[in-house]
C-alpha atoms as a PDB file:
ATOM      1  CA  MET A   1     261.379 235.985 143.140  1.00  0.00           C
ATOM      2  CA  THR A   2     261.400 231.793 142.834  1.00  0.00           C
ATOM      3  CA  ARG A   3     264.679 230.215 143.860  1.00  0.00           C
ATOM      4  CA  PHE A   4     263.294 226.816 143.547  1.00  0.00           C
ATOM      5  CA  HIS A   5     260.935 224.899 141.744  1.00  0.00           C
ATOM      6  CA  GLU A   6     259.607 220.804 141.592  1.00  0.00           C
ATOM      7  CA  GLU A   7     256.841 219.633 140.882  1.00  0.00           C
ATOM      8  CA  GLN A   8     256.556 215.831 141.719  1.00  0.00           C
ATOM      9  CA  HIS A   9     253.499 213.400 140.505  1.00  0.00           C
ATOM     10  CA  PHE A  10     252.973 209.588 142.556  1.00  0.00           C
ATOM     11  CA  HIS A  11     254.961 207.029 140.855  1.00  0.00           C
ATOM     12  CA  GLY A  12     253.160 204.795 138.540  1.00  0.00           C
ATOM     13  CA  ALA A  13     253.739 201.540 140.778  1.00  0.00           C
ATOM     14  CA  LEU A  14     252.204 203.174 143.255  1.00  0.00           C
ATOM     15  CA  MET A  15     249.485 204.267 141.493  1.00  0.00           C
ATOM     16  CA  GLY A  16     249.187 200.891 139.810  1.00  0.00           C
ATOM     17  CA  LEU A  17     248.876 199.419 143.681  1.00  0.00           C
ATOM     18  CA  LEU A  18     246.222 202.295 144.764  1.00  0.00           C
ATOM     19  CA  LEU A  19     244.128 201.627 141.388  1.00  0.00           C
ATOM     20  CA  VAL A  20     244.250 197.497 142.097  1.00  0.00           C
ATOM     21  CA  SER A  21     243.629 198.124 146.093  1.00  0.00           C
ATOM     22  CA  MET A  22     240.308 200.485 144.679  1.00  0.00           C
ATOM     23  CA  ILE A  23     238.914 197.814 142.488  1.00  0.00           C
ATOM     24  CA  PHE A  24     239.492 195.413 145.019  1.00  0.00           C
ATOM     25  CA  VAL A  25     237.366 197.014 147.560  1.00  0.00           C
ATOM     26  CA  VAL A  26     234.416 197.539 144.745  1.00  0.00           C
ATOM     27  CA  VAL A  27     234.232 194.105 144.128  1.00  0.00           C
ATOM     28  CA  VAL A  28     234.186 192.919 147.775  1.00  0.00           C
ATOM     29  CA  THR A  29     231.681 195.860 147.987  1.00  0.00           C
ATOM     30  CA  VAL A  30     229.646 194.829 145.153  1.00  0.00           C
ATOM     31  CA  VAL A  31     230.451 190.852 146.182  1.00  0.00           C
ATOM     32  CA  ALA A  32     228.931 191.577 149.782  1.00  0.00           C
ATOM     33  CA  VAL A  33     225.402 193.991 148.647  1.00  0.00           C
ATOM     34  CA  VAL A  34     224.501 191.399 146.151  1.00  0.00           C
ATOM     35  CA  LEU A  35     225.026 188.135 148.715  1.00  0.00           C
ATOM     36  CA  ALA A  36     223.396 190.463 151.651  1.00  0.00           C
ATOM     37  CA  ARG A  37     220.653 192.964 150.062  1.00  0.00           C
ATOM     38  CA  PRO A  38     220.647 192.768 146.426  1.00  0.00           C
ATOM     39  CA  GLU A  39     218.079 195.289 146.946  1.00  0.00           C
ATOM     40  CA  ASP A  40     220.801 197.867 147.546  1.00  0.00           C
ATOM     41  CA  ALA A  41     220.987 198.873 144.100  1.00  0.00           C
ATOM     42  CA  LEU A  42     222.098 202.236 145.042  1.00  0.00           C
ATOM     43  CA  LEU A  43     225.628 201.133 146.412  1.00  0.00           C
ATOM     44  CA  LEU A  44     226.447 199.057 143.364  1.00  0.00           C
ATOM     45  CA  ALA A  45     226.250 202.639 141.282  1.00  0.00           C
ATOM     46  CA  ILE A  46     227.593 204.607 143.941  1.00  0.00           C
ATOM     47  CA  ALA A  47     231.124 202.496 144.203  1.00  0.00           C
ATOM     48  CA  PRO A  48     232.759 202.662 140.726  1.00  0.00           C
ATOM     49  CA  VAL A  49     231.776 206.570 140.614  1.00  0.00           C
ATOM     50  CA  VAL A  50     233.473 207.148 144.084  1.00  0.00           C
ATOM     51  CA  VAL A  51     236.768 204.933 142.471  1.00  0.00           C
ATOM     52  CA  VAL A  52     236.664 206.694 139.427  1.00  0.00           C
ATOM     53  CA  ILE A  53     236.666 210.503 141.302  1.00  0.00           C
ATOM     54  CA  VAL A  54     239.408 209.218 143.904  1.00  0.00           C
ATOM     55  CA  ALA A  55     241.781 207.899 141.414  1.00  0.00           C
ATOM     56  CA  SER A  56     240.864 210.758 138.800  1.00  0.00           C
ATOM     57  CA  LEU A  57     241.924 213.182 142.082  1.00  0.00           C
ATOM     58  CA  ILE A  58     244.847 211.197 143.154  1.00  0.00           C
ATOM     59  CA  SER A  59     246.066 210.773 138.827  1.00  0.00           C
ATOM     60  CA  LEU A  60     245.749 214.759 138.861  1.00  0.00           C
ATOM     61  CA  SER A  61     246.960 215.815 142.166  1.00  0.00           C
ATOM     62  CA  HIS A  62     251.091 216.483 141.957  1.00  0.00           C
ATOM     63  CA  LEU A  63     253.621 218.032 144.728  1.00  0.00           C
ATOM     64  CA  ASP A  64     254.651 221.451 143.947  1.00  0.00           C
ATOM     65  CA  VAL A  65     257.623 222.643 146.075  1.00  0.00           C
ATOM     66  CA  ASP A  66     258.772 226.990 145.921  1.00  0.00           C
ATOM     67  CA  VAL A  67     261.456 228.199 147.377  1.00  0.00           C
ATOM     68  CA  ALA A  68     260.693 232.095 147.201  1.00  0.00           C
ATOM     69  CA  ASP A  69     261.737 234.861 149.363  1.00  0.00           C
ATOM     70  CA  ASP A  70     259.177 235.141 151.637  1.00  0.00           C
ATOM     71  CA  GLY A  71     259.923 231.176 152.061  1.00  0.00           C
ATOM     72  CA  VAL A  72     258.953 227.697 151.323  1.00  0.00           C
ATOM     73  CA  ARG A  73     255.709 226.269 149.620  1.00  0.00           C
ATOM     74  CA  ILE A  74     254.005 223.164 149.885  1.00  0.00           C
ATOM     75  CA  ALA A  75     251.056 222.483 147.859  1.00  0.00           C
ATOM     76  CA  PHE A  76     249.236 219.112 147.170  1.00  0.00           C
ATOM     77  CA  ARG A  77     247.258 219.712 144.585  1.00  0.00           C
ATOM     78  CA  TYR A  78     243.638 218.723 144.315  1.00  0.00           C
ATOM     79  CA  LEU A  79     244.280 216.998 148.138  1.00  0.00           C
ATOM     80  CA  TRP A  80     245.643 218.931 150.816  1.00  0.00           C
ATOM     81  CA  PRO A  81     245.693 222.908 151.535  1.00  0.00           C
ATOM     82  CA  THR A  82     249.001 224.633 150.896  1.00  0.00           C
ATOM     83  CA  ARG A  83     251.260 225.027 153.304  1.00  0.00           C
ATOM     84  CA  ARG A  84     253.391 228.020 153.873  1.00  0.00           C
ATOM     85  CA  ILE A  85     256.567 228.229 156.038  1.00  0.00           C
ATOM     86  CA  ARG A  86     258.614 231.647 156.706  1.00  0.00           C
ATOM     87  CA  PHE A  87     262.612 231.482 156.646  1.00  0.00           C
ATOM     88  CA  GLU A  88     262.461 233.002 160.162  1.00  0.00           C
ATOM     89  CA  ASP A  89     260.844 230.054 161.384  1.00  0.00           C
ATOM     90  CA  ILE A  90     263.343 227.463 160.138  1.00  0.00           C
ATOM     91  CA  VAL A  91     265.986 226.684 162.631  1.00  0.00           C
ATOM     92  CA  GLY A  92     267.771 223.534 161.178  1.00  0.00           C
ATOM     93  CA  LEU A  93     267.363 221.591 158.173  1.00  0.00           C
ATOM     94  CA  GLN A  94     269.372 218.683 156.591  1.00  0.00           C
ATOM     95  CA  VAL A  95     268.813 216.430 153.747  1.00  0.00           C
ATOM     96  CA  ARG A  96     268.455 212.897 154.503  1.00  0.00           C
ATOM     97  CA  ARG A  97     267.198 209.308 153.316  1.00  0.00           C
ATOM     98  CA  TYR A  98     264.439 208.441 155.298  1.00  0.00           C
ATOM     99  CA  ARG A  99     262.103 205.257 154.872  1.00  0.00           C
ATOM    100  CA  PRO A 100     258.745 206.224 153.860  1.00  0.00           C
ATOM    101  CA  LEU A 101     256.169 202.930 155.077  1.00  0.00           C
ATOM    102  CA  LEU A 102     258.372 202.904 158.525  1.00  0.00           C
ATOM    103  CA  GLU A 103     258.498 206.878 159.595  1.00  0.00           C
ATOM    104  CA  TYR A 104     255.317 208.146 157.885  1.00  0.00           C
ATOM    105  CA  GLY A 105     252.999 205.175 157.227  1.00  0.00           C
ATOM    106  CA  GLY A 106     253.281 205.564 153.364  1.00  0.00           C
ATOM    107  CA  TRP A 107     253.667 208.480 150.793  1.00  0.00           C
ATOM    108  CA  GLY A 108     251.545 211.528 150.758  1.00  0.00           C
ATOM    109  CA  VAL A 109     250.652 214.030 153.565  1.00  0.00           C
ATOM    110  CA  ARG A 110     251.825 211.831 156.073  1.00  0.00           C
ATOM    111  CA  LEU A 111     252.201 212.610 160.168  1.00  0.00           C
ATOM    112  CA  GLY A 112     254.158 209.818 161.536  1.00  0.00           C
ATOM    113  CA  PRO A 113     256.336 209.846 164.466  1.00  0.00           C
ATOM    114  CA  ALA A 114     259.330 211.681 162.829  1.00  0.00           C
ATOM    115  CA  GLY A 115     256.902 214.558 162.059  1.00  0.00           C
ATOM    116  CA  TRP A 116     254.574 215.155 159.043  1.00  0.00           C
ATOM    117  CA  ALA A 117     256.607 214.190 155.304  1.00  0.00           C
ATOM    118  CA  TYR A 118     255.051 215.545 152.006  1.00  0.00           C
ATOM    119  CA  SER A 119     255.894 213.141 149.732  1.00  0.00           C
ATOM    120  CA  THR A 120     255.040 211.310 146.129  1.00  0.00           C
ATOM    121  CA  GLY A 121     258.221 208.160 146.035  1.00  0.00           C
ATOM    122  CA  GLY A 122     261.433 208.114 146.797  1.00  0.00           C
ATOM    123  CA  ASP A 123     263.654 208.041 149.682  1.00  0.00           C
ATOM    124  CA  GLU A 124     265.371 210.975 149.965  1.00  0.00           C
ATOM    125  CA  GLY A 125     264.278 214.852 151.126  1.00  0.00           C
ATOM    126  CA  VAL A 126     264.858 218.017 153.046  1.00  0.00           C
ATOM    127  CA  GLN A 127     264.274 217.969 156.698  1.00  0.00           C
ATOM    128  CA  LEU A 128     262.988 220.820 158.155  1.00  0.00           C
ATOM    129  CA  ARG A 129     263.444 221.835 161.834  1.00  0.00           C
ATOM    130  CA  LEU A 130     261.061 224.265 163.268  1.00  0.00           C
ATOM    131  CA  ARG A 131     260.793 226.799 165.489  1.00  0.00           C
ATOM    132  CA  ARG A 132     257.908 225.500 167.030  1.00  0.00           C
ATOM    133  CA  GLY A 133     255.825 222.996 165.872  1.00  0.00           C
ATOM    134  CA  ILE A 134     256.648 219.592 164.161  1.00  0.00           C
ATOM    135  CA  PRO A 135     259.326 218.686 162.049  1.00  0.00           C
ATOM    136  CA  VAL A 136     258.550 218.335 158.308  1.00  0.00           C
ATOM    137  CA  LEU A 137     260.204 216.335 155.625  1.00  0.00           C
ATOM    138  CA  ILE A 138     259.864 217.211 151.734  1.00  0.00           C
ATOM    139  CA  GLY A 139     260.643 214.960 149.768  1.00  0.00           C
ATOM    140  CA  SER A 140     262.706 215.572 146.432  1.00  0.00           C
ATOM    141  CA  ASN A 141     264.448 214.299 143.492  1.00  0.00           C
ATOM    142  CA  SER A 142     266.620 217.156 144.060  1.00  0.00           C
ATOM    143  CA  PRO A 143     267.190 217.581 147.687  1.00  0.00           C
ATOM    144  CA  ARG A 144     270.543 219.184 147.593  1.00  0.00           C
ATOM    145  CA  ALA A 145     268.906 221.930 145.500  1.00  0.00           C
ATOM    146  CA  LEU A 146     266.168 222.231 147.741  1.00  0.00           C
ATOM    147  CA  GLU A 147     268.640 222.816 150.859  1.00  0.00           C
ATOM    148  CA  ALA A 148     270.290 225.188 148.796  1.00  0.00           C
ATOM    149  CA  ALA A 149     267.548 227.367 148.113  1.00  0.00           C
ATOM    150  CA  ILE A 150     266.440 226.990 151.695  1.00  0.00           C
ATOM    151  CA  ARG A 151     269.904 228.490 153.141  1.00  0.00           C
ATOM    152  CA  ALA A 152     269.892 230.851 150.792  1.00  0.00           C
ATOM    153  CA  GLY A 153     266.674 232.419 151.913  1.00  0.00           C
ATOM    154  CA  MET A 154     267.390 232.170 155.481  1.00  0.00           C
ATOM    155  CA  GLU A 155     270.596 233.831 155.293  1.00  0.00           C
ATOM    156  CA  PRO A 156     270.005 237.489 155.826  1.00  0.00           C
ATOM    157  CA  ALA A 157     270.384 239.798 152.857  1.00  0.00           C
ATOM    158  CA  THR A 158     273.387 241.721 151.883  1.00  0.00           C
ATOM    159  CA  PRO A 159     274.693 243.308 155.643  1.00  0.00           C
ATOM    160  CA  SER A 160     274.373 246.968 155.929  1.00  0.00           C
ATOM    161  CA  ALA A 161     277.255 249.585 156.291  1.00  0.00           C
ATOM    162  CA  ALA A 162     275.627 249.922 160.053  1.00  0.00           C
ATOM    163  CA  ALA A 163     275.400 246.861 160.696  1.00  0.00           C
ATOM    164  CA  ASP A 164     279.201 246.025 159.710  1.00  0.00           C
ATOM    165  CA  ARG A 165     279.787 248.896 161.969  1.00  0.00           C
ATOM    166  CA  GLY A 166     278.408 248.363 165.329  1.00  0.00           C
ATOM    167  CA  HIS A 167     280.362 244.651 164.950  1.00  0.00           C
ATOM    168  CA  ARG A 168     283.699 246.776 165.159  1.00  0.00           C
ATOM    169  CA  GLY A 169     282.833 249.006 168.090  1.00  0.00           C
ATOM    170  CA  ALA A 170     282.123 252.658 168.838  1.00  0.00           C
ATOM    171  CA  ASN A 171     286.165 253.681 168.951  1.00  0.00           C
ATOM    172  CA  PRO A 172     288.169 251.638 166.614  1.00  0.00           C
ATOM    173  CA  ARG A 173     291.358 251.380 167.890  1.00  0.00           C
ATOM    174  CA  THR A 174     294.080 253.548 165.633  1.00  0.00           C
ATOM    175  CA  ASP A 175     297.517 253.135 165.864  1.00  0.00           C
END
């Protein structure tokens, strides 16, 4: 059963900046090739194709975050392998504001001094502390709902009567 689902896309301003950057790289490459080796026309044909492919992958990609009965699934479609984190591997979590550029070097899938980050924009998310491994930050437009779903998944299922009796002791006192 899915307890939480969120699909996030890169912000338009970030996509515009990326596109302008890629166009700049293509123009610089074309000028450098024409000035240095005009006979390398193949490079001129490849650069725009690479820009179109990269821009398409990034514009189609999105971050899917799912919390289900078996744990948390983080999928950056078309760009990064899916990551699964089981509830029993999570030892702590908190909603927090973060600084994407300073802490992680930007958006996307990042590894920075504060750990792994999966983010498409914004500055809020849920930080997971794991039993083993580096902390994971999941950027979210609904960080409190994400936190609540993870906490609910971390709680054990309804306790059995045997477990309840085990806490009372073998010989309950009767007066």
